[in-house]
Structures are given as C-alpha cells and as structure tokens.
Protein backbone atom coordinates (compact mmCIF):
# COMPACT_ATOMS: atom_id res chain seq x y z
CA UNK A 1 278.89 28.60 132.48
CA UNK A 2 281.99 30.59 131.98
CA UNK A 3 283.24 32.73 134.93
CA UNK A 4 282.82 36.31 134.59
CA UNK A 5 285.80 38.78 134.43
CA UNK A 6 283.92 41.63 136.02
CA UNK A 7 284.00 42.18 139.71
CA UNK A 8 281.45 43.49 142.04
CA UNK A 9 281.49 47.19 140.51
CA UNK A 10 280.50 45.87 137.12
CA UNK A 11 283.91 46.82 135.66
CA UNK A 12 286.14 44.39 133.96
CA UNK A 13 289.69 43.46 135.52
CA UNK A 14 291.18 45.86 132.90
CA UNK A 15 288.82 48.79 133.55
CA UNK A 16 289.45 48.18 137.60
CA UNK A 17 293.15 48.34 137.04
CA UNK A 18 292.83 51.46 134.75
CA UNK A 19 290.87 53.25 137.61
CA UNK A 20 293.60 52.30 140.17
CA UNK A 21 296.48 53.34 138.04
CA UNK A 22 295.29 56.73 137.10
CA UNK A 23 294.17 57.33 140.74
CA UNK A 24 297.76 56.85 141.72
CA UNK A 25 299.97 58.41 139.01
CA UNK A 26 301.79 61.52 139.95
CA UNK A 27 300.64 63.17 136.77
CA UNK A 28 297.17 63.83 135.13
CA UNK A 29 295.56 61.38 132.84
CA UNK A 30 295.41 63.90 130.29
CA UNK A 31 299.42 64.37 130.59
CA UNK A 32 299.84 60.61 130.50
CA UNK A 33 297.91 60.05 127.43
CA UNK A 34 299.91 62.84 125.72
CA UNK A 35 303.25 61.14 126.72
CA UNK A 36 301.92 57.87 125.43
CA UNK A 37 300.78 59.48 122.11
CA UNK A 38 304.31 61.28 121.78
CA UNK A 39 306.04 57.88 122.46
CA UNK A 40 304.25 56.31 119.79
CA UNK A 41 305.12 59.07 117.38
CA UNK A 42 308.62 58.67 117.96
CA UNK A 43 308.38 54.97 117.69
CA UNK A 44 306.62 55.16 114.35
CA UNK A 45 309.15 57.78 113.16
CA UNK A 46 311.99 55.58 114.13
CA UNK A 47 310.28 52.52 112.35
CA UNK A 48 309.61 54.41 109.29
CA UNK A 49 313.47 55.17 108.95
CA UNK A 50 314.93 51.76 109.39
CA UNK A 51 312.38 49.04 108.78
CA UNK A 52 312.77 48.16 104.98
CA UNK A 53 309.15 47.24 104.51
CA UNK A 54 308.14 50.63 105.74
CA UNK A 55 310.58 52.47 103.76
CA UNK A 56 309.46 50.49 100.50
CA UNK A 57 305.75 51.36 101.21
CA UNK A 58 306.55 55.06 101.85
CA UNK A 59 308.88 55.25 98.51
CA UNK A 60 305.88 53.69 96.54
CA UNK A 61 303.49 56.39 98.11
CA UNK A 62 305.98 59.41 97.31
CA UNK A 63 305.82 58.36 93.73
CA UNK A 64 301.91 58.48 93.40
CA UNK A 65 300.48 61.13 91.43
CA UNK A 66 296.89 62.35 91.46
CA UNK A 67 296.35 60.50 95.00
CA UNK A 68 293.20 60.97 97.09
CA UNK A 69 294.50 61.23 100.72
CA UNK A 70 292.52 60.35 103.80
CA UNK A 71 294.31 62.18 106.64
CA UNK A 72 294.42 60.52 110.35
CA UNK A 73 291.73 58.17 109.07
CA UNK A 74 291.26 56.00 112.15
CA UNK A 75 288.70 53.17 111.47
CA UNK A 76 287.40 54.96 108.17
CA UNK A 77 289.58 53.29 105.63
CA UNK A 78 288.24 54.53 102.20
CA UNK A 79 288.79 52.66 99.01
CA UNK A 80 290.90 54.50 96.35
CA UNK A 81 292.30 56.98 98.95
CA UNK A 82 295.80 56.72 100.50
CA UNK A 83 294.79 56.16 104.19
CA UNK A 84 297.28 57.71 106.51
CA UNK A 85 297.28 57.63 110.34
CA UNK A 86 299.69 57.34 113.26
CA UNK A 87 298.27 53.91 114.34
CA UNK A 88 296.42 51.18 112.75
CA UNK A 89 297.21 48.02 110.39
CA UNK A 90 297.54 48.16 106.78
CA UNK A 91 296.38 49.54 104.34
CA UNK A 92 297.09 52.52 106.45
CA UNK A 93 300.25 54.46 106.01
CA UNK A 94 301.92 54.70 109.61
CA UNK A 95 302.73 58.32 109.74
CA UNK A 96 302.51 61.37 112.17
CA UNK A 97 300.35 63.92 110.34
CA UNK A 98 300.50 66.71 112.76
CA UNK A 99 302.99 68.46 110.86
CA UNK A 100 303.56 66.87 107.52
CA UNK A 101 302.17 64.21 105.11
CA UNK A 102 304.20 61.52 103.39
CA UNK A 103 303.64 62.27 99.76
CA UNK A 104 305.55 64.13 97.09
CA UNK A 105 305.11 67.81 96.09
CA UNK A 106 302.06 67.99 94.04
CA UNK A 107 301.28 64.31 94.47
CA UNK A 108 297.79 64.63 95.38
CA UNK A 109 294.69 65.92 93.62
CA UNK A 110 292.45 65.89 96.85
CA UNK A 111 293.13 65.86 100.91
CA UNK A 112 290.30 64.83 103.13
CA UNK A 113 290.93 65.69 106.68
CA UNK A 114 288.03 64.86 109.01
CA UNK A 115 287.84 65.33 112.89
CA UNK A 116 291.68 66.09 113.04
CA UNK A 117 292.27 69.67 112.72
CA UNK A 118 290.79 70.43 116.13
CA UNK A 119 293.42 67.98 117.59
CA UNK A 120 296.42 70.06 116.40
CA UNK A 121 297.95 73.02 118.27
CA UNK A 122 296.72 76.00 116.52
CA UNK A 123 299.91 78.08 116.79
CA UNK A 124 302.53 75.68 115.83
CA UNK A 125 301.04 72.34 114.36
CA UNK A 126 298.15 73.68 112.34
CA UNK A 127 300.36 76.19 110.12
CA UNK A 128 302.96 73.64 109.31
CA UNK A 129 300.24 70.97 108.56
CA UNK A 130 298.38 73.40 106.27
CA UNK A 131 301.26 74.61 104.53
CA UNK A 132 302.29 70.87 103.80
CA UNK A 133 298.90 70.07 102.64
CA UNK A 134 299.42 72.90 99.92
CA UNK A 135 303.06 71.53 99.07
CA UNK A 136 301.20 68.04 98.46
CA UNK A 137 298.23 69.27 96.33
CA UNK A 138 298.59 69.68 92.76
CA UNK A 139 297.39 73.01 91.27
CA UNK A 140 293.68 73.12 91.40
CA UNK A 141 293.48 70.30 94.06
CA UNK A 142 291.01 70.29 96.71
CA UNK A 143 291.73 70.57 100.58
CA UNK A 144 288.23 69.35 102.53
CA UNK A 145 288.39 69.71 106.31
CA UNK A 146 285.70 68.56 108.57
CA UNK A 147 285.65 69.93 112.33
CA UNK A 148 282.82 70.10 114.81
CA UNK A 149 281.03 73.51 114.14
CA UNK A 150 281.30 75.07 117.26
CA UNK A 151 279.02 78.14 116.38
CA UNK A 152 276.11 75.46 116.07
CA UNK A 153 276.80 74.11 119.47
CA UNK A 154 276.91 77.55 121.01
CA UNK A 155 273.63 78.39 119.31
CA UNK A 156 272.12 75.09 120.49
CA UNK A 157 273.41 76.20 124.03
CA UNK A 158 271.54 79.42 123.81
CA UNK A 159 268.20 77.93 122.75
CA UNK A 160 265.74 77.26 125.45
CA UNK A 161 264.78 73.66 124.45
CA UNK A 162 267.20 70.86 123.48
CA UNK A 163 266.19 70.73 119.68
CA UNK A 164 269.38 72.32 118.63
CA UNK A 165 271.28 69.66 120.51
CA UNK A 166 269.18 66.80 118.93
CA UNK A 167 269.77 68.31 115.48
CA UNK A 168 273.46 67.94 116.39
CA UNK A 169 272.95 64.33 117.20
CA UNK A 170 273.69 64.73 121.16
CA UNK A 171 271.95 61.81 122.82
CA UNK A 172 268.81 62.71 124.74
CA UNK A 173 269.08 62.45 127.56
CA UNK A 174 272.69 63.69 127.66
CA UNK A 175 275.41 60.84 128.35
CA UNK A 176 275.84 60.10 132.07
CA UNK A 177 279.55 61.87 132.24
CA UNK A 178 278.26 64.96 130.27
CA UNK A 179 274.94 65.74 132.09
CA UNK A 180 274.36 69.50 131.56
CA UNK A 181 274.37 71.79 128.27
CA UNK A 182 277.69 73.11 129.29
CA UNK A 183 279.29 69.83 129.88
CA UNK A 184 278.44 69.19 126.12
CA UNK A 185 279.88 72.30 125.04
CA UNK A 186 283.15 71.76 127.00
CA UNK A 187 283.25 68.27 125.37
CA UNK A 188 283.25 69.84 121.88
CA UNK A 189 285.85 72.28 122.98
CA UNK A 190 288.17 69.88 125.05
CA UNK A 191 286.92 66.07 124.49
CA UNK A 192 288.99 65.24 127.83
CA UNK A 193 291.92 67.18 126.68
CA UNK A 194 292.26 65.80 123.00
CA UNK A 195 290.77 68.78 121.30
CA UNK A 196 293.21 71.79 121.28
CA UNK A 197 290.61 74.29 119.67
CA UNK A 198 287.34 75.01 118.47
CA UNK A 199 286.25 76.40 115.05
CA UNK A 200 283.61 78.16 113.19
CA UNK A 201 283.79 79.13 109.51
CA UNK A 202 285.45 82.48 110.27
CA UNK A 203 288.01 80.94 112.35
CA UNK A 204 289.10 78.26 110.35
CA UNK A 205 289.14 80.46 107.06
CA UNK A 206 291.50 82.88 108.90
CA UNK A 207 293.78 80.01 109.61
CA UNK A 208 293.65 78.93 106.12
CA UNK A 209 294.58 81.96 104.40
CA UNK A 210 298.20 82.44 105.43
CA UNK A 211 298.97 78.94 104.19
C-alpha cells in the first residue's frame, strides 16, 4: 500500500502549501497571478527573439498564406490550424496574443478566437488585438469570436426557476464555491479576476466596428 500524499484535511501537500503561501503573501492572489502571467509573457517574448528554433518556427508561420488560426488555443489544438498560445508544447506557436498575432499581412483566411476576448482589457488590449486580426486576414476572411453571452446569464438570473442556468450548462446544484445565482453571474463577469469584461452582441459589435 502506497503512502498517501494527502494530509488530514484531504488536500495534497502542494494544495496545502498553496493555501499557506497565498495566506501569507503581501499582495492579493489575483495580483500574484497577473504578475506571474506577465513574467511568462516577457519570457516568451525574449525566447522568440533569441532562440534559433523559435525564430525559425515564427519565420515559417509568417510565410504561410491562407492559414486558419486558432488564437489562445489552450488544450484545444485543432488539426489544420496554426495553433497559437502563450503557453504549451508544440504544435502550439508560443506567442502573447493580447495585442498581436505572429502572421504576415493577409496571411490568414480565418481566425478563431474562443474564450479569449473576455480576458483582454477592453480599452487598451482589445482594440490593438482586433486591428491586428484585420491586418492578418486576407480580404473576405472570417473572424469568429466566441465569448460567454452575458445577456443569457442575466436573463437566467431574472427567471424564477433554474432552467435558464441549466440551459447554459451551469451545474445543478451550483458548485460549492459559487453557491448562489449572483455568485454564478460574478464568475461569468470576473472568473476570479481573469475576465476583464462581459459581452452581449451589442457590446461586442460596437468594439468591432472601429477596428
């Protein structure tokens, strides 16, 4: 029988250490996570500038025409796409996508952006990102943006039953750390500090027009 790495609380040693660390940090966890993200972004930018393998891969991507691009792909690596993300192993292209994409002008026929735009600062990062998508797309190309539809969650909140939340695949009963309707709404708007803005069709279309 192998010894367990879990303590009496049921948490692993790593989880217990994480709780202890965040309880003793002089800054909030959300700021710690943001600083860690920025450090990763600068590291990747530096590696892309100096590592020969990275430079070769990026030069190849910039030479591609008619590409399909999967932005901030995370674990959803798609066949036939140029999969781009800040983190992750190949075939992902390591790139900070918040303001730009690593493709040439008119190098893409389609750009897929799923569950990413809501993570961008709507005043600074989002306009730069959308303008760069336009630069990358060939004439007639398609930009497909997928975000949580805040309007549907607000409509579900206003209903007297939970059917609206069930239609949106919110677990029933609600998760232990999101026990109320308003907790669920806050998660859609903020997601523990990771989401910067919530969108409905009107709001997103208004952001797209200037780009």
